[in-house]
Amino acid sequence: MLYPQNTIKIEEIKTISGKDGLSFFDKLLKLFKLFNIDSLCKKNGMIKYKGFSVSEILTVLILFPFMAISTVNSLYASRFNELIKAQKDTFFRLKNNEYFNWRNLLYLFAKRSKKMSENNIDEANENSADGVSVTPKCFVIDDTVINKVGMKIEFIGKVYDHVIGRLVLGFKLLLLSYWDGKSLIPLDFSYHNEKGKNKKYPFGLLKRKLKKRFSKKRNKKSAGYKRSQELSVDKITNSIAMLKRAVKHGFVPDYVLTDSWFSSEKMIKTIRKLKKGVIHFLGMMKMDNRHYEYQGQKLNAKELRKKLKSKMKRAKKLNIYYIEVIVNYSDIGAVKLFFTRFSKRSKWRLLLATNLALSFHQAVEIYNIRWSIEVLFKECKQLLNLGKSQSNDFDAQLADATISLIVYTMLSFHKRIHCHTSLGALFAQYRDDFIEATVVEKLWQLFLAIQLTIAEVFEIDYNKMMRVVFELPEARKTFKSLSEIFFEDNFFTETRKAA
């Protein structure tokens, strides 16, 4: 006889199935199997310790967003803690380990996704009939503010948020991602803080508050130490280091896309030297005082735009006014400039391309790919716990950010191969299935508990009463519907037999 239980077993959760007949656990485990998490962890030197393999603990951490939890503490405060044999310290030891190379692990997931995508026979729009790439491959570089609330977090400080126009407590996350023609894959990132020029308030904090921040001594040879040193390195220098690392890992794009903040002469020169000049730069430029040589004259952006006023055209399809011109820029040589604005009253913007063969329409189409990184930031923050870590240890902050980006990589691959819905909708489907599973299981146990209480109060034989209940036409119809939606096909049959 099936009696109410006080605990839920992982095998029971696995029986909950979705509308397509596969349980959400089956779907996720299939995805995990494709990426072979255990193999990637071993490749990265993340070995087993104290009874639990790193891949097992990492798999649970990857599941956090689907369980609607964001921290280890919230896991043990939820009913999911009944499924976890490991203690809290097991998770903390993994995340706080300064020797684990989280950067390399993210690259391993990215390369696995890239390889599987290239091997997929259903790859649409990948190549044209003559073998030429239809959609260019691109590196996209951008940063975002990671807000924090803990004043004791290691290296914490105030950073300037350009969106809201004021200082906020947190870090800035600089991300390099790879657009492979259909989806965006996060490759590398670094955290940054801003010391500021005010000596009375370094990092925007009172000195007594700085002393209360968590601190930790790290081995100078450890991965964690090297990442902590990047905090004070300027973002242009870190961006260049990321680009070089990505190329060494086998990611070679057609273009590097940036906004105006990263469009420096140093950046463009570095990009053009990579892989003997096969990688081009395409990015927004500030309308500042840097000079461009045109017809023997050195003019800044505003002066050049006024000189070319008579050459203004209108792209009817895009509804944009534009001026295009080839000029010489510093030691870089010939580049193509596109002055653009949406109406005759709006401000002019400047787009620079090192590929002189690009038309205006092509440049705009390619540059629009850059906005995919804004979507990545939004989805990772809202759905995948990016920035939600409450740990004081900087190594744990890096680990949690990496895990969020790993989940994004895995979901992007799933979306690419199996469906055409948005990544947010795909995540919501997985999460809702997970939460729905626990809710249904709770309701089922509650139903059984109520029936048992009724039987005890009225001194009725529980087995006979349940048999009568299951024989009622309406009850049979309801239970059958529930079983078809949430349980394996044999669940209702076995339960009815037991009753």
Protein backbone atom coordinates (compact mmCIF):
# COMPACT_ATOMS: atom_id res chain seq x y z
CA MET A 1 0.00 0.00 0.00
CA LEU A 2 1.27 3.50 -0.83
CA TYR A 3 1.37 5.53 2.38
CA PRO A 4 2.34 9.18 2.83
CA GLN A 5 6.05 9.80 3.12
CA ASN A 6 8.00 12.54 4.87
CA THR A 7 10.87 12.49 2.39
CA ILE A 8 11.20 12.65 -1.36
CA LYS A 9 13.69 10.52 -3.23
CA ILE A 10 15.56 11.49 -6.38
CA GLU A 11 14.13 8.44 -8.18
CA GLU A 12 10.62 9.76 -7.55
CA ILE A 13 11.45 13.18 -8.95
CA LYS A 14 12.87 11.54 -12.06
CA THR A 15 9.44 10.07 -12.79
CA ILE A 16 7.86 13.46 -13.27
CA SER A 17 7.51 13.95 -17.00
CA GLY A 18 6.83 16.78 -19.34
CA LYS A 19 4.30 17.10 -22.11
CA ASP A 20 6.58 15.39 -24.62
CA GLY A 21 6.79 12.28 -22.45
CA LEU A 22 10.36 12.91 -21.31
CA SER A 23 10.99 13.96 -17.73
CA PHE A 24 12.77 17.24 -17.25
CA PHE A 25 15.46 15.30 -15.43
CA ASP A 26 15.88 13.12 -18.52
CA LYS A 27 16.26 16.24 -20.67
CA LEU A 28 18.80 17.83 -18.37
CA LEU A 29 20.74 14.63 -17.83
CA LYS A 30 20.85 14.12 -21.60
CA LEU A 31 22.28 17.63 -21.92
CA PHE A 32 24.81 16.90 -19.16
CA LYS A 33 25.77 13.68 -20.91
CA LEU A 34 26.40 15.52 -24.18
CA PHE A 35 28.75 17.94 -22.46
CA ASN A 36 30.29 15.11 -20.39
CA ILE A 37 30.81 17.27 -17.31
CA ASP A 38 32.90 14.64 -15.53
CA SER A 39 35.35 14.50 -18.45
CA LEU A 40 35.64 18.30 -18.61
CA CYS A 41 36.29 18.53 -14.86
CA LYS A 42 39.04 15.92 -15.09
CA LYS A 43 40.58 17.73 -18.07
CA ASN A 44 40.65 20.85 -15.95
CA GLY A 45 42.39 19.09 -13.08
CA MET A 46 39.34 19.33 -10.80
CA ILE A 47 39.75 16.00 -9.03
CA LYS A 48 37.65 14.07 -6.52
CA TYR A 49 38.03 14.75 -2.82
CA LYS A 50 36.32 13.71 0.44
CA GLY A 51 33.84 11.28 -1.07
CA PHE A 52 32.20 13.45 -3.73
CA SER A 53 33.48 14.06 -7.24
CA VAL A 54 33.73 17.63 -8.45
CA SER A 55 31.41 16.85 -11.37
CA GLU A 56 28.67 15.68 -8.97
CA ILE A 57 28.86 18.87 -6.91
CA LEU A 58 29.14 21.02 -10.05
CA THR A 59 26.05 19.34 -11.51
CA VAL A 60 24.03 20.29 -8.42
CA LEU A 61 25.30 23.88 -8.67
CA ILE A 62 24.29 23.99 -12.34
CA LEU A 63 20.78 22.91 -11.31
CA PHE A 64 20.35 25.84 -8.87
CA PRO A 65 18.52 28.16 -11.33
CA PHE A 66 16.09 25.38 -12.25
CA MET A 67 15.31 24.82 -8.57
CA ALA A 68 14.64 28.57 -8.17
CA ILE A 69 17.46 28.89 -5.63
CA SER A 70 20.60 31.00 -5.88
CA THR A 71 22.89 30.06 -2.99
CA VAL A 72 24.08 27.01 -1.08
CA ASN A 73 22.33 28.26 2.05
CA SER A 74 19.04 28.60 0.19
CA LEU A 75 19.47 25.02 -1.05
CA TYR A 76 19.65 23.70 2.50
CA ALA A 77 16.74 25.90 3.56
CA SER A 78 14.56 24.36 0.81
CA ARG A 79 13.00 20.93 0.64
CA PHE A 80 15.62 20.00 -1.97
CA ASN A 81 18.09 19.53 0.87
CA GLU A 82 16.50 16.12 1.42
CA LEU A 83 17.94 15.02 -1.92
CA ILE A 84 21.51 16.11 -1.16
CA LYS A 85 23.82 13.81 0.76
CA ALA A 86 26.72 16.25 0.74
CA GLN A 87 27.13 18.81 3.52
CA LYS A 88 27.36 22.57 2.98
CA ASP A 89 31.13 22.54 3.43
CA THR A 90 31.49 20.31 0.36
CA PHE A 91 30.05 23.06 -1.85
CA PHE A 92 31.99 25.82 -0.13
CA ARG A 93 35.29 23.95 -0.46
CA LEU A 94 34.76 23.61 -4.19
CA LYS A 95 33.82 27.25 -4.76
CA ASN A 96 36.50 28.68 -2.46
CA ASN A 97 39.34 26.63 -3.95
CA GLU A 98 41.89 29.08 -5.34
CA TYR A 99 43.62 26.37 -7.40
CA PHE A 100 40.60 25.49 -9.54
CA ASN A 101 40.96 27.12 -12.95
CA TRP A 102 37.40 28.33 -13.58
CA ARG A 103 38.50 30.30 -16.64
CA ASN A 104 39.77 27.18 -18.35
CA LEU A 105 36.63 25.25 -17.40
CA LEU A 106 34.46 27.86 -19.15
CA TYR A 107 36.64 27.50 -22.24
CA LEU A 108 36.25 23.71 -22.12
CA PHE A 109 32.45 24.05 -22.12
CA ALA A 110 32.63 26.61 -24.94
CA LYS A 111 34.84 24.36 -27.06
CA ARG A 112 32.61 21.36 -26.42
CA SER A 113 29.58 23.41 -27.53
CA LYS A 114 31.44 24.65 -30.63
CA LYS A 115 32.56 21.15 -31.60
CA MET A 116 29.08 19.62 -31.16
CA SER A 117 27.51 22.47 -33.15
CA GLU A 118 29.97 22.00 -36.01
CA ASN A 119 29.32 18.26 -36.05
CA ASN A 120 25.55 18.68 -36.07
CA ILE A 121 24.21 17.64 -39.47
CA ASP A 122 21.13 19.85 -39.03
CA GLU A 123 23.17 23.06 -38.90
CA ALA A 124 21.08 25.55 -40.84
CA ASN A 125 22.42 28.55 -42.71
CA GLU A 126 25.96 27.62 -41.70
CA ASN A 127 27.44 27.65 -45.17
CA SER A 128 26.28 28.77 -48.55
CA ALA A 129 26.43 26.56 -51.62
CA ASP A 130 29.98 27.68 -52.43
CA GLY A 131 31.17 27.03 -48.86
CA VAL A 132 31.48 30.68 -47.86
CA SER A 133 30.22 31.63 -44.42
CA VAL A 134 26.84 33.36 -44.68
CA THR A 135 26.77 34.88 -41.20
CA PRO A 136 30.18 36.10 -40.01
CA LYS A 137 31.70 34.77 -36.79
CA CYS A 138 32.28 37.54 -34.26
CA PHE A 139 33.92 38.24 -30.93
CA VAL A 140 31.76 40.57 -28.84
CA ILE A 141 33.30 42.47 -25.92
CA ASP A 142 31.30 44.41 -23.34
CA ASP A 143 31.00 44.96 -19.61
CA THR A 144 28.16 45.10 -17.11
CA VAL A 145 27.73 46.11 -13.49
CA ILE A 146 27.35 43.30 -10.95
CA ASN A 147 25.50 44.80 -8.00
CA LYS A 148 26.29 43.55 -4.50
CA VAL A 149 24.89 44.20 -1.03
CA GLY A 150 27.59 42.68 1.20
CA MET A 151 30.11 45.24 2.48
CA LYS A 152 32.44 42.45 3.65
CA ILE A 153 32.88 40.83 0.25
CA GLU A 154 36.54 40.55 -0.71
CA PHE A 155 37.73 43.42 -2.97
CA ILE A 156 34.25 44.99 -2.94
CA GLY A 157 33.88 48.67 -3.76
CA LYS A 158 31.75 51.17 -5.60
CA VAL A 159 31.76 51.30 -9.39
CA TYR A 160 30.15 53.78 -11.73
CA ASP A 161 26.99 52.55 -13.42
CA HIS A 162 26.58 54.43 -16.72
CA VAL A 163 22.99 53.26 -17.09
CA ILE A 164 21.72 54.97 -13.94
CA GLY A 165 24.50 57.58 -13.78
CA ARG A 166 25.78 56.98 -10.23
CA LEU A 167 28.06 54.85 -8.09
CA VAL A 168 26.80 51.46 -6.90
CA LEU A 169 28.32 48.80 -4.67
CA GLY A 170 29.66 45.88 -6.66
CA PHE A 171 32.04 44.94 -9.47
CA LYS A 172 32.19 45.36 -13.20
CA LEU A 173 32.24 42.15 -15.21
CA LEU A 174 34.09 42.32 -18.52
CA LEU A 175 32.99 39.55 -20.89
CA LEU A 176 34.33 38.18 -24.16
CA SER A 177 31.83 36.08 -26.10
CA TYR A 178 31.80 34.33 -29.47
CA TRP A 179 28.99 34.59 -32.01
CA ASP A 180 29.18 31.44 -34.14
CA GLY A 181 26.53 32.50 -36.63
CA LYS A 182 23.50 31.34 -34.64
CA SER A 183 24.18 31.71 -30.93
CA LEU A 184 26.43 33.53 -28.49
CA ILE A 185 28.92 31.53 -26.41
CA PRO A 186 30.60 33.16 -23.37
CA LEU A 187 34.35 32.50 -23.49
CA ASP A 188 36.15 34.54 -20.87
CA PHE A 189 35.54 37.20 -18.24
CA SER A 190 37.26 39.28 -15.59
CA TYR A 191 36.02 41.18 -12.56
CA HIS A 192 37.05 44.80 -12.05
CA ASN A 193 36.82 47.33 -9.24
CA GLU A 194 37.44 51.07 -9.38
CA LYS A 195 39.72 52.70 -6.82
CA GLY A 196 38.82 56.24 -7.89
CA LYS A 197 40.82 59.44 -7.42
CA ASN A 198 39.48 60.40 -3.99
CA LYS A 199 42.17 59.27 -1.51
CA LYS A 200 39.78 59.73 1.43
CA TYR A 201 37.36 57.21 -0.06
CA PRO A 202 39.33 54.55 -1.97
CA PHE A 203 36.95 52.32 -3.90
CA GLY A 204 34.20 54.71 -2.81
CA LEU A 205 34.28 53.41 0.78
CA LEU A 206 35.36 54.70 4.16
CA LYS A 207 38.73 53.29 5.22
CA ARG A 208 37.20 51.64 8.30
CA LYS A 209 34.84 49.75 6.02
CA LEU A 210 37.70 48.68 3.77
CA LYS A 211 39.38 47.07 6.78
CA LYS A 212 36.27 44.96 7.45
CA ARG A 213 36.35 43.40 4.00
CA PHE A 214 37.16 39.71 3.85
CA SER A 215 40.78 38.99 2.94
CA LYS A 216 42.57 35.82 1.96
CA LYS A 217 46.18 34.95 1.23
CA ARG A 218 46.64 33.13 -2.04
CA ASN A 219 49.52 31.25 -3.57
CA LYS A 220 50.96 33.42 -6.33
CA LYS A 221 50.95 30.41 -8.65
CA SER A 222 47.24 29.72 -8.11
CA ALA A 223 44.54 30.55 -10.66
CA GLY A 224 42.64 32.52 -8.02
CA TYR A 225 45.61 34.80 -7.35
CA LYS A 226 46.02 35.58 -11.05
CA ARG A 227 42.31 36.41 -11.37
CA SER A 228 42.44 38.66 -8.29
CA GLN A 229 45.29 40.65 -9.89
CA GLU A 230 43.06 41.49 -12.86
CA LEU A 231 40.78 43.57 -10.65
CA SER A 232 43.03 46.61 -10.91
CA VAL A 233 44.04 46.14 -14.57
CA ASP A 234 42.32 48.46 -17.04
CA LYS A 235 39.64 46.87 -19.17
CA ILE A 236 41.34 47.57 -22.51
CA THR A 237 44.43 45.63 -21.39
CA ASN A 238 42.31 42.77 -20.08
CA SER A 239 40.23 42.74 -23.28
CA ILE A 240 43.36 42.37 -25.39
CA ALA A 241 44.62 39.53 -23.15
CA MET A 242 41.23 37.80 -23.54
CA LEU A 243 41.32 38.14 -27.34
CA LYS A 244 44.76 36.56 -27.52
CA ARG A 245 43.70 33.73 -25.18
CA ALA A 246 40.57 33.02 -27.21
CA VAL A 247 42.53 32.78 -30.46
CA LYS A 248 44.98 30.36 -28.79
CA HIS A 249 41.99 28.24 -27.77
CA GLY A 250 40.99 27.94 -31.43
CA PHE A 251 38.30 30.62 -31.72
CA VAL A 252 39.01 32.71 -34.82
CA PRO A 253 36.24 35.15 -35.81
CA ASP A 254 35.76 37.37 -38.81
CA TYR A 255 35.12 40.49 -36.71
CA VAL A 256 35.56 41.89 -33.23
CA LEU A 257 32.58 44.04 -32.22
CA THR A 258 32.80 46.69 -29.50
CA ASP A 259 31.04 49.82 -28.37
CA SER A 260 32.82 53.19 -28.31
CA TRP A 261 34.38 52.63 -24.86
CA PHE A 262 36.61 49.81 -26.15
CA SER A 263 37.32 51.29 -29.59
CA SER A 264 40.86 52.46 -28.93
CA GLU A 265 43.82 52.64 -31.29
CA LYS A 266 45.62 50.05 -29.14
CA MET A 267 42.70 47.65 -29.40
CA ILE A 268 42.35 47.99 -33.18
CA LYS A 269 46.07 47.52 -33.77
CA THR A 270 46.12 44.34 -31.67
CA ILE A 271 43.11 42.88 -33.49
CA ARG A 272 44.63 43.50 -36.93
CA LYS A 273 47.85 41.70 -35.89
CA LEU A 274 46.03 38.56 -34.74
CA LYS A 275 46.22 35.62 -37.16
CA LYS A 276 48.03 37.72 -39.77
CA GLY A 277 45.21 40.19 -40.23
CA VAL A 278 42.31 37.83 -40.96
CA ILE A 279 40.30 39.32 -38.07
CA HIS A 280 38.68 42.70 -38.68
CA PHE A 281 37.48 45.34 -36.25
CA LEU A 282 33.99 46.84 -36.37
CA GLY A 283 32.95 49.20 -33.62
CA MET A 284 31.47 52.49 -32.58
CA MET A 285 33.85 55.44 -32.16
CA LYS A 286 33.48 58.52 -30.02
CA MET A 287 32.97 61.80 -31.86
CA ASP A 288 36.06 63.18 -30.13
CA ASN A 289 39.28 64.93 -31.13
CA ARG A 290 41.19 61.97 -32.56
CA HIS A 291 42.23 62.75 -36.13
CA TYR A 292 41.57 61.02 -39.44
CA GLU A 293 43.49 61.84 -42.62
CA TYR A 294 41.31 62.70 -45.61
CA GLN A 295 42.63 64.22 -48.84
CA GLY A 296 45.83 65.33 -47.14
CA GLN A 297 44.02 66.99 -44.23
CA LYS A 298 43.90 65.76 -40.63
CA LEU A 299 40.39 66.28 -39.31
CA ASN A 300 38.52 65.17 -36.21
CA ALA A 301 35.17 63.40 -36.52
CA LYS A 302 33.02 66.53 -36.37
CA GLU A 303 35.16 68.42 -38.89
CA LEU A 304 35.20 65.44 -41.25
CA ARG A 305 31.44 64.98 -41.04
CA LYS A 306 30.83 68.67 -41.89
CA LYS A 307 33.21 68.43 -44.85
CA LEU A 308 31.31 65.41 -46.19
CA LYS A 309 27.83 66.84 -45.57
CA SER A 310 27.00 66.88 -49.29
CA LYS A 311 27.66 63.10 -49.52
CA MET A 312 24.90 62.18 -47.07
CA LYS A 313 22.62 59.36 -48.23
CA ARG A 314 19.50 57.69 -46.86
CA ALA A 315 19.14 53.95 -46.40
CA LYS A 316 15.40 53.53 -47.00
CA LYS A 317 15.31 49.94 -45.74
CA LEU A 318 16.90 50.92 -42.41
CA ASN A 319 15.47 54.45 -42.36
CA ILE A 320 18.90 55.84 -41.49
CA TYR A 321 20.88 58.76 -42.88
CA TYR A 322 24.55 57.98 -43.41
CA ILE A 323 27.86 59.14 -44.84
CA GLU A 324 30.60 56.68 -45.71
CA VAL A 325 34.22 57.50 -46.42
CA ILE A 326 37.62 55.81 -46.50
CA VAL A 327 40.31 57.60 -44.47
CA ASN A 328 43.69 56.86 -42.89
CA TYR A 329 43.67 56.43 -39.14
CA SER A 330 46.95 56.79 -37.25
CA ASP A 331 49.38 53.88 -37.84
CA ILE A 332 46.51 51.51 -38.60
CA GLY A 333 46.20 52.70 -42.18
CA ALA A 334 43.07 52.82 -44.30
CA VAL A 335 39.75 52.33 -42.52
CA LYS A 336 36.14 52.90 -43.48
CA LEU A 337 34.00 55.34 -41.49
CA PHE A 338 30.20 55.40 -41.41
CA PHE A 339 28.53 58.51 -39.94
CA THR A 340 24.93 57.62 -39.09
CA ARG A 341 21.83 59.15 -37.58
CA PHE A 342 18.17 58.18 -37.52
CA SER A 343 16.72 61.60 -38.31
CA LYS A 344 17.94 65.02 -39.30
CA ARG A 345 17.55 66.17 -35.70
CA SER A 346 19.24 63.26 -33.93
CA LYS A 347 22.94 63.07 -33.02
CA TRP A 348 25.50 61.69 -35.39
CA ARG A 349 27.18 58.41 -34.47
CA LEU A 350 30.38 57.02 -35.93
CA LEU A 351 31.06 53.40 -36.91
CA LEU A 352 34.58 52.30 -37.92
CA ALA A 353 35.41 49.21 -39.99
CA THR A 354 38.84 47.91 -40.98
CA ASN A 355 37.25 45.88 -43.80
CA LEU A 356 37.09 48.38 -46.65
CA ALA A 357 34.83 46.09 -48.70
CA LEU A 358 31.92 46.42 -46.26
CA SER A 359 28.86 48.28 -47.47
CA PHE A 360 26.83 50.36 -45.04
CA HIS A 361 24.01 47.81 -44.90
CA GLN A 362 26.46 44.98 -44.23
CA ALA A 363 28.21 46.96 -41.49
CA VAL A 364 24.94 47.72 -39.70
CA GLU A 365 23.75 44.12 -40.00
CA ILE A 366 26.98 42.75 -38.55
CA TYR A 367 27.22 45.36 -35.81
CA ASN A 368 23.70 44.53 -34.65
CA ILE A 369 25.09 41.15 -33.52
CA ARG A 370 26.75 43.06 -30.67
CA TRP A 371 23.37 43.51 -29.01
CA SER A 372 23.20 39.78 -28.35
CA ILE A 373 25.61 40.28 -25.45
CA GLU A 374 23.13 42.66 -23.82
CA VAL A 375 20.54 39.88 -24.02
CA LEU A 376 23.08 37.49 -22.47
CA PHE A 377 23.66 39.84 -19.53
CA LYS A 378 19.93 40.31 -18.99
CA GLU A 379 19.10 36.59 -19.11
CA CYS A 380 22.06 35.55 -16.96
CA LYS A 381 21.17 38.13 -14.29
CA GLN A 382 17.42 37.53 -14.29
CA LEU A 383 17.36 33.78 -14.82
CA LEU A 384 20.74 32.18 -14.17
CA ASN A 385 21.84 33.77 -10.88
CA LEU A 386 24.65 35.90 -12.31
CA GLY A 387 25.70 38.27 -9.53
CA LYS A 388 23.54 36.56 -6.90
CA SER A 389 26.48 35.05 -4.99
CA GLN A 390 26.59 36.15 -1.35
CA SER A 391 29.99 34.66 -0.57
CA ASN A 392 32.70 36.90 0.87
CA ASP A 393 35.42 34.86 -0.83
CA PHE A 394 36.41 36.26 -4.24
CA ASP A 395 37.15 32.75 -5.53
CA ALA A 396 33.52 31.81 -4.85
CA GLN A 397 32.35 34.93 -6.71
CA LEU A 398 34.36 33.78 -9.75
CA ALA A 399 33.01 30.24 -9.43
CA ASP A 400 29.37 31.35 -9.30
CA ALA A 401 29.76 33.69 -12.28
CA THR A 402 31.43 30.90 -14.26
CA ILE A 403 28.62 28.47 -13.42
CA SER A 404 25.99 30.97 -14.60
CA LEU A 405 27.83 31.33 -17.92
CA ILE A 406 28.21 27.54 -18.21
CA VAL A 407 24.44 27.12 -17.80
CA TYR A 408 23.93 29.77 -20.48
CA THR A 409 26.28 27.86 -22.80
CA MET A 410 24.42 24.59 -22.26
CA LEU A 411 20.98 26.12 -22.76
CA SER A 412 22.15 27.97 -25.87
CA PHE A 413 23.34 24.71 -27.37
CA HIS A 414 20.04 22.99 -26.50
CA LYS A 415 18.09 25.86 -28.05
CA ARG A 416 20.29 25.83 -31.14
CA ILE A 417 19.81 22.12 -31.83
CA HIS A 418 16.29 21.33 -30.63
CA CYS A 419 14.04 24.36 -30.70
CA HIS A 420 13.55 27.89 -31.93
CA THR A 421 12.10 29.44 -28.81
CA SER A 422 13.99 32.08 -26.85
CA LEU A 423 16.53 31.00 -24.26
CA GLY A 424 14.42 32.63 -21.57
CA ALA A 425 11.38 30.59 -22.58
CA LEU A 426 13.48 27.44 -22.68
CA PHE A 427 14.80 28.09 -19.18
CA ALA A 428 11.30 28.84 -17.91
CA GLN A 429 10.09 25.50 -19.27
CA TYR A 430 12.83 23.60 -17.42
CA ARG A 431 12.36 25.58 -14.20
CA ASP A 432 8.58 25.28 -14.23
CA ASP A 433 8.83 21.54 -14.79
CA PHE A 434 11.20 21.28 -11.85
CA ILE A 435 9.06 23.35 -9.50
CA GLU A 436 5.85 21.78 -10.81
CA ALA A 437 7.27 18.36 -10.06
CA THR A 438 7.84 19.14 -6.40
CA VAL A 439 4.45 20.83 -6.08
CA VAL A 440 2.63 17.85 -7.58
CA GLU A 441 4.56 15.46 -5.36
CA LYS A 442 3.62 17.57 -2.32
CA LEU A 443 -0.04 17.59 -3.34
CA TRP A 444 0.01 13.85 -3.86
CA GLN A 445 1.52 13.23 -0.42
CA LEU A 446 -1.00 15.68 1.09
CA PHE A 447 -3.85 13.80 -0.56
CA LEU A 448 -2.61 10.49 0.84
CA ALA A 449 -2.13 12.02 4.29
CA ILE A 450 -5.69 13.39 4.30
CA GLN A 451 -7.11 10.02 3.26
CA LEU A 452 -5.13 8.27 5.98
CA THR A 453 -6.39 10.77 8.60
CA ILE A 454 -10.01 10.25 7.49
CA ALA A 455 -9.58 6.48 7.70
CA GLU A 456 -8.15 6.72 11.24
CA VAL A 457 -10.80 9.17 12.52
CA PHE A 458 -13.75 7.15 11.19
CA GLU A 459 -12.06 3.81 11.83
CA ILE A 460 -12.32 2.83 8.16
CA ASP A 461 -10.06 0.31 6.49
CA TYR A 462 -7.60 2.51 4.57
CA ASN A 463 -7.07 0.03 1.71
CA LYS A 464 -10.81 -0.43 1.15
CA MET A 465 -11.45 3.31 1.28
CA MET A 466 -8.72 4.05 -1.30
CA ARG A 467 -10.04 1.31 -3.55
CA VAL A 468 -13.50 2.93 -3.47
CA VAL A 469 -12.00 6.38 -4.16
CA PHE A 470 -10.08 5.13 -7.19
CA GLU A 471 -13.18 3.44 -8.58
CA LEU A 472 -15.16 6.70 -8.62
CA PRO A 473 -15.48 7.84 -12.29
CA GLU A 474 -14.53 11.47 -11.59
CA ALA A 475 -11.62 10.46 -9.35
CA ARG A 476 -10.33 7.99 -11.92
CA LYS A 477 -10.50 10.65 -14.63
CA THR A 478 -8.65 13.21 -12.50
CA PHE A 479 -5.93 10.83 -11.32
CA LYS A 480 -5.39 9.54 -14.82
CA SER A 481 -4.95 13.07 -16.17
CA LEU A 482 -2.41 13.84 -13.44
CA SER A 483 -0.52 10.67 -14.15
CA GLU A 484 -0.34 11.39 -17.87
CA ILE A 485 0.95 14.91 -17.31
CA PHE A 486 3.36 14.42 -14.45
CA PHE A 487 4.11 10.74 -13.92
CA GLU A 488 5.39 7.79 -15.85
CA ASP A 489 2.71 5.84 -17.65
CA ASN A 490 2.74 3.00 -15.12
CA PHE A 491 2.45 5.21 -12.04
CA PHE A 492 -1.34 5.37 -11.98
CA THR A 493 -1.59 1.66 -12.71
CA GLU A 494 0.84 0.70 -9.98
CA THR A 495 -0.78 3.06 -7.47
CA ARG A 496 -4.24 1.71 -8.22
CA LYS A 497 -2.98 -1.86 -7.86
CA ALA A 498 -1.40 -0.99 -4.51
CA ALA A 499 -4.66 0.54 -3.33
